[in-house]
Amino acid sequence: MVKKMVLAATLLLVLVASLIAAEMTADGLIAKYFAAAGGEQSLRALKSMTMKGSMFAQGQSFDLKVSYVMPNKSYTEIIMGGMPVNSAGTNATDAWTKNPMGIFFLTGDDKVSAMRQANQFPLLDYKKSGAKVKYLGEDMVKGAKAYKLEYVGADKDTIIYFFDATTFLPVKEKRSDATVMMSDFKKTGNLMMPYKVNIQVAAQSMMMTIDTIAVNVAIPESLFVMPKDAKPLDSLKAMMKQMQGGGGGK
């Protein structure tokens, strides 16, 4: 009798899960994600955010500071031994990077990619931006069921989101040039935010651990102004090519 009850309950759960999956839509999944993240109203109320933590890449550890002003301003600073070794910024019109070799502004695909990454919540106003979304069914992420959503921007940029089937929080993003894994979600203000982020780009991986996140804080506007002495990124690429080629000697 007990075995029959367990079997019946199991079949019922399978049936319910199947019905939920069959009824899932792209907008329905997005709504569940917004609710899990803290609510659409809370997402829209987020105007700025700063993160501090650490990053491990290429066998070395760095300190990390990231600032955002929604929806398109960002500034990232990578620090080693108390000294900045790299920084990158975006605003509504410019994207640039600074390293020991100088300050360089981005153009073309480099600029487009940097400015895309500054938008932390592209699903929030995807219809207004001209993007399209599509529910792709179920998949597995680290042994757990996830729902897949395809986002295609107005510029044809594509992101595949994987939302955990239990929490409806995003645990993975797959882009043309990178795979991002998110975990260790914690309530920050009214929002659920990931405190561990792993990024895989080709054969390179970056593991980020966030220690603190502050929301709706004052951030100097000057942080998002591209320095006037920035040079074209192509000049850095040419410089690096020359160095690798030994200066084109005999």
C-alpha atoms as a PDB file:
ATOM      1  CA  MET A   1       0.000   0.000   0.000  1.00  0.00           C
ATOM      2  CA  VAL A   2       2.769   2.435   0.961  1.00  0.00           C
ATOM      3  CA  LYS A   3       4.714   1.636  -2.231  1.00  0.00           C
ATOM      4  CA  LYS A   4       1.607   2.313  -4.317  1.00  0.00           C
ATOM      5  CA  MET A   5       1.103   5.654  -2.556  1.00  0.00           C
ATOM      6  CA  VAL A   6       4.728   6.643  -3.132  1.00  0.00           C
ATOM      7  CA  LEU A   7       4.468   5.625  -6.783  1.00  0.00           C
ATOM      8  CA  ALA A   8       1.241   7.592  -7.212  1.00  0.00           C
ATOM      9  CA  ALA A   9       2.781  10.657  -5.564  1.00  0.00           C
ATOM     10  CA  THR A  10       5.862  10.386  -7.792  1.00  0.00           C
ATOM     11  CA  LEU A  11       3.733  10.124 -10.917  1.00  0.00           C
ATOM     12  CA  LEU A  12       1.711  13.116  -9.776  1.00  0.00           C
ATOM     13  CA  LEU A  13       4.859  15.201  -9.308  1.00  0.00           C
ATOM     14  CA  VAL A  14       6.114  14.190 -12.746  1.00  0.00           C
ATOM     15  CA  LEU A  15       2.743  15.125 -14.251  1.00  0.00           C
ATOM     16  CA  VAL A  16       2.700  18.502 -12.508  1.00  0.00           C
ATOM     17  CA  ALA A  17       6.280  19.227 -13.618  1.00  0.00           C
ATOM     18  CA  SER A  18       5.380  18.273 -17.183  1.00  0.00           C
ATOM     19  CA  LEU A  19       2.352  20.563 -17.140  1.00  0.00           C
ATOM     20  CA  ILE A  20       4.420  23.447 -15.766  1.00  0.00           C
ATOM     21  CA  ALA A  21       7.079  22.923 -18.453  1.00  0.00           C
ATOM     22  CA  ALA A  22       4.425  22.697 -21.176  1.00  0.00           C
ATOM     23  CA  GLU A  23       2.791  25.923 -20.050  1.00  0.00           C
ATOM     24  CA  MET A  24       6.041  27.876 -19.654  1.00  0.00           C
ATOM     25  CA  THR A  25       6.442  30.870 -21.942  1.00  0.00           C
ATOM     26  CA  ALA A  26       9.275  33.344 -22.427  1.00  0.00           C
ATOM     27  CA  ASP A  27       7.431  36.216 -20.750  1.00  0.00           C
ATOM     28  CA  GLY A  28       6.201  33.885 -18.010  1.00  0.00           C
ATOM     29  CA  LEU A  29       9.757  32.776 -17.272  1.00  0.00           C
ATOM     30  CA  ILE A  30      10.971  36.378 -17.227  1.00  0.00           C
ATOM     31  CA  ALA A  31       8.190  37.285 -14.778  1.00  0.00           C
ATOM     32  CA  LYS A  32       9.228  34.436 -12.473  1.00  0.00           C
ATOM     33  CA  TYR A  33      12.855  35.590 -12.689  1.00  0.00           C
ATOM     34  CA  PHE A  34      11.887  39.177 -11.795  1.00  0.00           C
ATOM     35  CA  ALA A  35       9.862  37.933  -8.819  1.00  0.00           C
ATOM     36  CA  ALA A  36      12.723  35.705  -7.623  1.00  0.00           C
ATOM     37  CA  ALA A  37      15.247  38.526  -8.011  1.00  0.00           C
ATOM     38  CA  GLY A  38      13.208  40.790  -5.735  1.00  0.00           C
ATOM     39  CA  GLY A  39      10.447  42.095  -7.963  1.00  0.00           C
ATOM     40  CA  GLU A  40      10.319  44.203 -11.116  1.00  0.00           C
ATOM     41  CA  GLN A  41       9.706  47.333  -9.046  1.00  0.00           C
ATOM     42  CA  SER A  42      12.910  46.723  -7.053  1.00  0.00           C
ATOM     43  CA  LEU A  43      14.884  46.119 -10.251  1.00  0.00           C
ATOM     44  CA  ARG A  44      13.623  49.400 -11.686  1.00  0.00           C
ATOM     45  CA  ALA A  45      14.430  51.187  -8.427  1.00  0.00           C
ATOM     46  CA  LEU A  46      18.081  50.129  -8.727  1.00  0.00           C
ATOM     47  CA  LYS A  47      19.917  53.223  -9.949  1.00  0.00           C
ATOM     48  CA  SER A  48      23.512  52.476  -8.968  1.00  0.00           C
ATOM     49  CA  MET A  49      25.619  49.694  -7.546  1.00  0.00           C
ATOM     50  CA  THR A  50      29.198  49.109  -6.379  1.00  0.00           C
ATOM     51  CA  MET A  51      30.916  45.757  -5.883  1.00  0.00           C
ATOM     52  CA  LYS A  52      34.162  44.903  -4.134  1.00  0.00           C
ATOM     53  CA  GLY A  53      35.842  41.518  -4.131  1.00  0.00           C
ATOM     54  CA  SER A  54      38.617  39.471  -5.646  1.00  0.00           C
ATOM     55  CA  MET A  55      39.389  37.834  -8.963  1.00  0.00           C
ATOM     56  CA  PHE A  56      41.597  34.870  -9.854  1.00  0.00           C
ATOM     57  CA  ALA A  57      42.845  34.752 -13.447  1.00  0.00           C
ATOM     58  CA  GLN A  58      45.920  33.418 -15.247  1.00  0.00           C
ATOM     59  CA  GLY A  59      47.274  31.980 -12.019  1.00  0.00           C
ATOM     60  CA  GLN A  60      47.165  35.277 -10.117  1.00  0.00           C
ATOM     61  CA  SER A  61      44.850  36.938  -7.598  1.00  0.00           C
ATOM     62  CA  PHE A  62      43.630  40.520  -7.908  1.00  0.00           C
ATOM     63  CA  ASP A  63      41.373  42.845  -5.971  1.00  0.00           C
ATOM     64  CA  LEU A  64      38.313  44.023  -7.860  1.00  0.00           C
ATOM     65  CA  LYS A  65      36.128  47.125  -7.731  1.00  0.00           C
ATOM     66  CA  VAL A  66      33.142  47.601 -10.036  1.00  0.00           C
ATOM     67  CA  SER A  67      30.712  50.531 -10.223  1.00  0.00           C
ATOM     68  CA  TYR A  68      27.495  50.799 -12.235  1.00  0.00           C
ATOM     69  CA  VAL A  69      25.037  53.589 -12.882  1.00  0.00           C
ATOM     70  CA  MET A  70      22.010  52.158 -14.639  1.00  0.00           C
ATOM     71  CA  PRO A  71      21.515  51.427 -17.426  1.00  0.00           C
ATOM     72  CA  ASN A  72      24.760  51.966 -19.355  1.00  0.00           C
ATOM     73  CA  LYS A  73      27.574  53.350 -17.210  1.00  0.00           C
ATOM     74  CA  SER A  74      30.221  51.078 -15.748  1.00  0.00           C
ATOM     75  CA  TYR A  75      33.721  51.296 -14.331  1.00  0.00           C
ATOM     76  CA  THR A  76      35.895  48.324 -13.406  1.00  0.00           C
ATOM     77  CA  GLU A  77      39.221  48.524 -11.611  1.00  0.00           C
ATOM     78  CA  ILE A  78      41.625  45.600 -11.174  1.00  0.00           C
ATOM     79  CA  ILE A  79      44.176  46.025  -8.402  1.00  0.00           C
ATOM     80  CA  MET A  80      47.309  44.056  -7.524  1.00  0.00           C
ATOM     81  CA  GLY A  81      49.445  44.756  -4.476  1.00  0.00           C
ATOM     82  CA  GLY A  82      47.399  47.864  -3.727  1.00  0.00           C
ATOM     83  CA  MET A  83      48.097  49.360  -7.167  1.00  0.00           C
ATOM     84  CA  PRO A  84      45.633  49.569 -10.098  1.00  0.00           C
ATOM     85  CA  VAL A  85      46.903  47.473 -13.019  1.00  0.00           C
ATOM     86  CA  ASN A  86      43.908  47.804 -15.322  1.00  0.00           C
ATOM     87  CA  SER A  87      40.642  49.677 -15.545  1.00  0.00           C
ATOM     88  CA  ALA A  88      37.809  49.946 -18.034  1.00  0.00           C
ATOM     89  CA  GLY A  89      34.847  52.273 -18.365  1.00  0.00           C
ATOM     90  CA  THR A  90      31.727  52.872 -20.417  1.00  0.00           C
ATOM     91  CA  ASN A  91      29.075  55.528 -20.720  1.00  0.00           C
ATOM     92  CA  ALA A  92      26.260  56.079 -23.187  1.00  0.00           C
ATOM     93  CA  THR A  93      28.668  56.914 -26.019  1.00  0.00           C
ATOM     94  CA  ASP A  94      32.202  55.807 -25.113  1.00  0.00           C
ATOM     95  CA  ALA A  95      34.130  52.762 -23.950  1.00  0.00           C
ATOM     96  CA  TRP A  96      37.781  52.752 -22.935  1.00  0.00           C
ATOM     97  CA  THR A  97      40.473  50.849 -21.092  1.00  0.00           C
ATOM     98  CA  LYS A  98      43.560  51.897 -19.151  1.00  0.00           C
ATOM     99  CA  ASN A  99      46.665  49.803 -18.518  1.00  0.00           C
ATOM    100  CA  PRO A 100      50.379  50.460 -17.917  1.00  0.00           C
ATOM    101  CA  MET A 101      50.816  51.124 -21.659  1.00  0.00           C
ATOM    102  CA  GLY A 102      48.283  53.952 -21.733  1.00  0.00           C
ATOM    103  CA  ILE A 103      44.604  54.857 -22.110  1.00  0.00           C
ATOM    104  CA  PHE A 104      42.783  53.579 -25.188  1.00  0.00           C
ATOM    105  CA  PHE A 105      39.258  54.101 -26.499  1.00  0.00           C
ATOM    106  CA  LEU A 106      37.373  51.189 -28.034  1.00  0.00           C
ATOM    107  CA  THR A 107      35.720  51.089 -31.432  1.00  0.00           C
ATOM    108  CA  GLY A 108      33.780  48.577 -33.514  1.00  0.00           C
ATOM    109  CA  ASP A 109      32.995  45.201 -31.973  1.00  0.00           C
ATOM    110  CA  ASP A 110      35.215  45.920 -28.948  1.00  0.00           C
ATOM    111  CA  LYS A 111      33.143  48.977 -28.080  1.00  0.00           C
ATOM    112  CA  VAL A 112      29.823  47.255 -28.727  1.00  0.00           C
ATOM    113  CA  SER A 113      30.788  44.304 -26.507  1.00  0.00           C
ATOM    114  CA  ALA A 114      31.912  46.554 -23.634  1.00  0.00           C
ATOM    115  CA  MET A 115      28.743  48.626 -23.763  1.00  0.00           C
ATOM    116  CA  ARG A 116      26.529  45.523 -23.840  1.00  0.00           C
ATOM    117  CA  GLN A 117      28.166  44.224 -20.672  1.00  0.00           C
ATOM    118  CA  ALA A 118      27.435  47.500 -18.885  1.00  0.00           C
ATOM    119  CA  ASN A 119      23.698  46.748 -19.055  1.00  0.00           C
ATOM    120  CA  GLN A 120      23.121  44.407 -16.120  1.00  0.00           C
ATOM    121  CA  PHE A 121      19.422  43.755 -16.802  1.00  0.00           C
ATOM    122  CA  PRO A 122      18.771  43.626 -20.574  1.00  0.00           C
ATOM    123  CA  LEU A 123      15.569  41.624 -20.010  1.00  0.00           C
ATOM    124  CA  LEU A 124      13.985  44.448 -18.027  1.00  0.00           C
ATOM    125  CA  ASP A 125      12.984  46.521 -21.065  1.00  0.00           C
ATOM    126  CA  TYR A 126      13.721  44.104 -23.863  1.00  0.00           C
ATOM    127  CA  LYS A 127      10.605  45.024 -25.869  1.00  0.00           C
ATOM    128  CA  LYS A 128      11.408  48.739 -25.868  1.00  0.00           C
ATOM    129  CA  SER A 129      14.963  48.014 -27.003  1.00  0.00           C
ATOM    130  CA  GLY A 130      13.737  45.998 -29.981  1.00  0.00           C
ATOM    131  CA  ALA A 131      15.035  42.681 -28.629  1.00  0.00           C
ATOM    132  CA  LYS A 132      13.202  39.371 -28.931  1.00  0.00           C
ATOM    133  CA  VAL A 133      13.008  36.454 -26.511  1.00  0.00           C
ATOM    134  CA  LYS A 134      12.146  32.780 -26.936  1.00  0.00           C
ATOM    135  CA  TYR A 135      11.604  29.974 -24.441  1.00  0.00           C
ATOM    136  CA  LEU A 136      13.878  27.047 -25.353  1.00  0.00           C
ATOM    137  CA  GLY A 137      12.731  24.372 -22.900  1.00  0.00           C
ATOM    138  CA  GLU A 138      14.708  22.583 -20.208  1.00  0.00           C
ATOM    139  CA  ASP A 139      18.380  21.789 -19.688  1.00  0.00           C
ATOM    140  CA  MET A 140      20.738  20.791 -16.885  1.00  0.00           C
ATOM    141  CA  VAL A 141      23.224  23.067 -15.122  1.00  0.00           C
ATOM    142  CA  LYS A 142      25.569  21.346 -12.690  1.00  0.00           C
ATOM    143  CA  GLY A 143      23.128  18.467 -12.230  1.00  0.00           C
ATOM    144  CA  ALA A 144      20.077  20.652 -11.604  1.00  0.00           C
ATOM    145  CA  LYS A 145      17.186  21.344 -13.960  1.00  0.00           C
ATOM    146  CA  ALA A 146      17.113  24.764 -15.582  1.00  0.00           C
ATOM    147  CA  TYR A 147      14.825  26.619 -17.985  1.00  0.00           C
ATOM    148  CA  LYS A 148      16.441  28.120 -21.077  1.00  0.00           C
ATOM    149  CA  LEU A 149      15.621  31.491 -22.589  1.00  0.00           C
ATOM    150  CA  GLU A 150      17.047  32.967 -25.775  1.00  0.00           C
ATOM    151  CA  TYR A 151      17.527  36.736 -25.929  1.00  0.00           C
ATOM    152  CA  VAL A 152      18.329  38.316 -29.301  1.00  0.00           C
ATOM    153  CA  GLY A 153      19.101  42.021 -29.151  1.00  0.00           C
ATOM    154  CA  ALA A 154      18.193  44.563 -31.809  1.00  0.00           C
ATOM    155  CA  ASP A 155      21.818  44.280 -32.996  1.00  0.00           C
ATOM    156  CA  LYS A 156      21.436  40.464 -33.178  1.00  0.00           C
ATOM    157  CA  ASP A 157      23.573  39.930 -30.083  1.00  0.00           C
ATOM    158  CA  THR A 158      22.401  36.633 -28.576  1.00  0.00           C
ATOM    159  CA  ILE A 159      22.392  35.500 -24.943  1.00  0.00           C
ATOM    160  CA  ILE A 160      21.116  32.124 -23.754  1.00  0.00           C
ATOM    161  CA  TYR A 161      19.947  32.371 -20.142  1.00  0.00           C
ATOM    162  CA  PHE A 162      19.624  29.349 -17.871  1.00  0.00           C
ATOM    163  CA  PHE A 163      17.274  29.868 -14.898  1.00  0.00           C
ATOM    164  CA  ASP A 164      17.287  27.394 -12.035  1.00  0.00           C
ATOM    165  CA  ALA A 165      13.985  25.488 -12.155  1.00  0.00           C
ATOM    166  CA  THR A 166      13.504  25.775  -8.385  1.00  0.00           C
ATOM    167  CA  THR A 167      14.631  29.333  -7.588  1.00  0.00           C
ATOM    168  CA  PHE A 168      14.152  30.910 -11.049  1.00  0.00           C
ATOM    169  CA  LEU A 169      17.420  32.806 -10.540  1.00  0.00           C
ATOM    170  CA  PRO A 170      19.901  32.956 -13.452  1.00  0.00           C
ATOM    171  CA  VAL A 171      22.702  30.449 -12.937  1.00  0.00           C
ATOM    172  CA  LYS A 172      24.295  30.544 -16.387  1.00  0.00           C
ATOM    173  CA  GLU A 173      24.589  32.803 -19.413  1.00  0.00           C
ATOM    174  CA  LYS A 174      26.008  31.710 -22.735  1.00  0.00           C
ATOM    175  CA  ARG A 175      27.172  34.356 -25.182  1.00  0.00           C
ATOM    176  CA  SER A 176      29.005  34.107 -28.481  1.00  0.00           C
ATOM    177  CA  ASP A 177      32.307  34.974 -26.802  1.00  0.00           C
ATOM    178  CA  ALA A 178      31.863  33.829 -23.191  1.00  0.00           C
ATOM    179  CA  THR A 179      30.084  31.548 -20.735  1.00  0.00           C
ATOM    180  CA  VAL A 180      29.159  33.027 -17.351  1.00  0.00           C
ATOM    181  CA  MET A 181      28.265  30.926 -14.288  1.00  0.00           C
ATOM    182  CA  MET A 182      26.586  32.554 -11.271  1.00  0.00           C
ATOM    183  CA  SER A 183      26.088  31.187  -7.769  1.00  0.00           C
ATOM    184  CA  ASP A 184      25.998  32.029  -4.040  1.00  0.00           C
ATOM    185  CA  PHE A 185      22.980  34.325  -4.321  1.00  0.00           C
ATOM    186  CA  LYS A 186      22.368  36.567  -1.317  1.00  0.00           C
ATOM    187  CA  LYS A 187      19.754  39.174  -0.541  1.00  0.00           C
ATOM    188  CA  THR A 188      21.219  42.625  -1.086  1.00  0.00           C
ATOM    189  CA  GLY A 189      18.799  45.408  -0.293  1.00  0.00           C
ATOM    190  CA  ASN A 190      15.606  44.110  -1.901  1.00  0.00           C
ATOM    191  CA  LEU A 191      17.416  42.096  -4.563  1.00  0.00           C
ATOM    192  CA  MET A 192      18.971  38.648  -4.841  1.00  0.00           C
ATOM    193  CA  MET A 193      22.489  39.040  -6.227  1.00  0.00           C
ATOM    194  CA  PRO A 194      25.191  36.441  -7.119  1.00  0.00           C
ATOM    195  CA  TYR A 195      28.355  36.682  -5.042  1.00  0.00           C
ATOM    196  CA  LYS A 196      30.336  34.194  -7.119  1.00  0.00           C
ATOM    197  CA  VAL A 197      30.787  34.641 -10.876  1.00  0.00           C
ATOM    198  CA  ASN A 198      32.952  32.513 -13.151  1.00  0.00           C
ATOM    199  CA  ILE A 199      33.633  33.687 -16.703  1.00  0.00           C
ATOM    200  CA  GLN A 200      35.072  31.440 -19.406  1.00  0.00           C
ATOM    201  CA  VAL A 201      36.387  33.130 -22.556  1.00  0.00           C
ATOM    202  CA  ALA A 202      37.971  30.668 -24.988  1.00  0.00           C
ATOM    203  CA  ALA A 203      40.702  28.921 -22.956  1.00  0.00           C
ATOM    204  CA  GLN A 204      40.849  31.665 -20.328  1.00  0.00           C
ATOM    205  CA  SER A 205      38.826  31.624 -17.121  1.00  0.00           C
ATOM    206  CA  MET A 206      38.183  34.255 -14.462  1.00  0.00           C
ATOM    207  CA  MET A 207      36.774  33.418 -11.045  1.00  0.00           C
ATOM    208  CA  MET A 208      35.277  36.335  -9.140  1.00  0.00           C
ATOM    209  CA  THR A 209      34.228  36.340  -5.501  1.00  0.00           C
ATOM    210  CA  ILE A 210      32.230  39.360  -4.381  1.00  0.00           C
ATOM    211  CA  ASP A 211      32.672  40.424  -0.762  1.00  0.00           C
ATOM    212  CA  THR A 212      30.330  43.416  -0.631  1.00  0.00           C
ATOM    213  CA  ILE A 213      27.636  44.958  -2.823  1.00  0.00           C
ATOM    214  CA  ALA A 214      26.166  48.384  -2.099  1.00  0.00           C
ATOM    215  CA  VAL A 215      23.058  49.558  -3.952  1.00  0.00           C
ATOM    216  CA  ASN A 216      21.778  53.039  -4.748  1.00  0.00           C
ATOM    217  CA  VAL A 217      24.937  54.731  -3.535  1.00  0.00           C
ATOM    218  CA  ALA A 218      26.412  58.014  -4.736  1.00  0.00           C
ATOM    219  CA  ILE A 219      29.045  57.493  -7.430  1.00  0.00           C
ATOM    220  CA  PRO A 220      31.060  60.399  -8.888  1.00  0.00           C
ATOM    221  CA  GLU A 221      29.980  61.206 -12.443  1.00  0.00           C
ATOM    222  CA  SER A 222      33.638  61.853 -13.292  1.00  0.00           C
ATOM    223  CA  LEU A 223      34.276  58.115 -13.032  1.00  0.00           C
ATOM    224  CA  PHE A 224      32.353  57.584 -16.271  1.00  0.00           C
ATOM    225  CA  VAL A 225      34.014  60.313 -18.342  1.00  0.00           C
ATOM    226  CA  MET A 226      36.506  59.007 -20.872  1.00  0.00           C
ATOM    227  CA  PRO A 227      39.917  60.687 -20.475  1.00  0.00           C
ATOM    228  CA  LYS A 228      40.603  63.202 -23.238  1.00  0.00           C
ATOM    229  CA  ASP A 229      44.073  61.767 -23.904  1.00  0.00           C
ATOM    230  CA  ALA A 230      42.728  58.309 -24.812  1.00  0.00           C
ATOM    231  CA  LYS A 231      44.236  56.866 -27.982  1.00  0.00           C
ATOM    232  CA  PRO A 232      42.700  54.367 -30.440  1.00  0.00           C
ATOM    233  CA  LEU A 233      42.864  50.774 -29.221  1.00  0.00           C
ATOM    234  CA  ASP A 234      44.300  49.855 -32.618  1.00  0.00           C
ATOM    235  CA  SER A 235      47.468  51.721 -31.670  1.00  0.00           C
ATOM    236  CA  LEU A 236      47.880  49.387 -28.670  1.00  0.00           C
ATOM    237  CA  LYS A 237      47.268  46.353 -30.856  1.00  0.00           C
ATOM    238  CA  ALA A 238      49.908  47.580 -33.318  1.00  0.00           C
ATOM    239  CA  MET A 239      52.319  48.195 -30.454  1.00  0.00           C
ATOM    240  CA  MET A 240      51.788  44.690 -29.087  1.00  0.00           C
ATOM    241  CA  LYS A 241      52.214  43.162 -32.535  1.00  0.00           C
ATOM    242  CA  GLN A 242      55.482  45.049 -33.009  1.00  0.00           C
ATOM    243  CA  MET A 243      56.767  43.869 -29.624  1.00  0.00           C
ATOM    244  CA  GLN A 244      55.846  40.256 -30.378  1.00  0.00           C
ATOM    245  CA  GLY A 245      57.550  40.502 -33.746  1.00  0.00           C
ATOM    246  CA  GLY A 246      60.723  41.949 -32.297  1.00  0.00           C
ATOM    247  CA  GLY A 247      60.171  45.289 -33.976  1.00  0.00           C
ATOM    248  CA  GLY A 248      60.346  43.911 -37.492  1.00  0.00           C
ATOM    249  CA  GLY A 249      64.135  43.588 -37.515  1.00  0.00           C
ATOM    250  CA  LYS A 250      66.177  41.652 -40.038  1.00  0.00           C
END
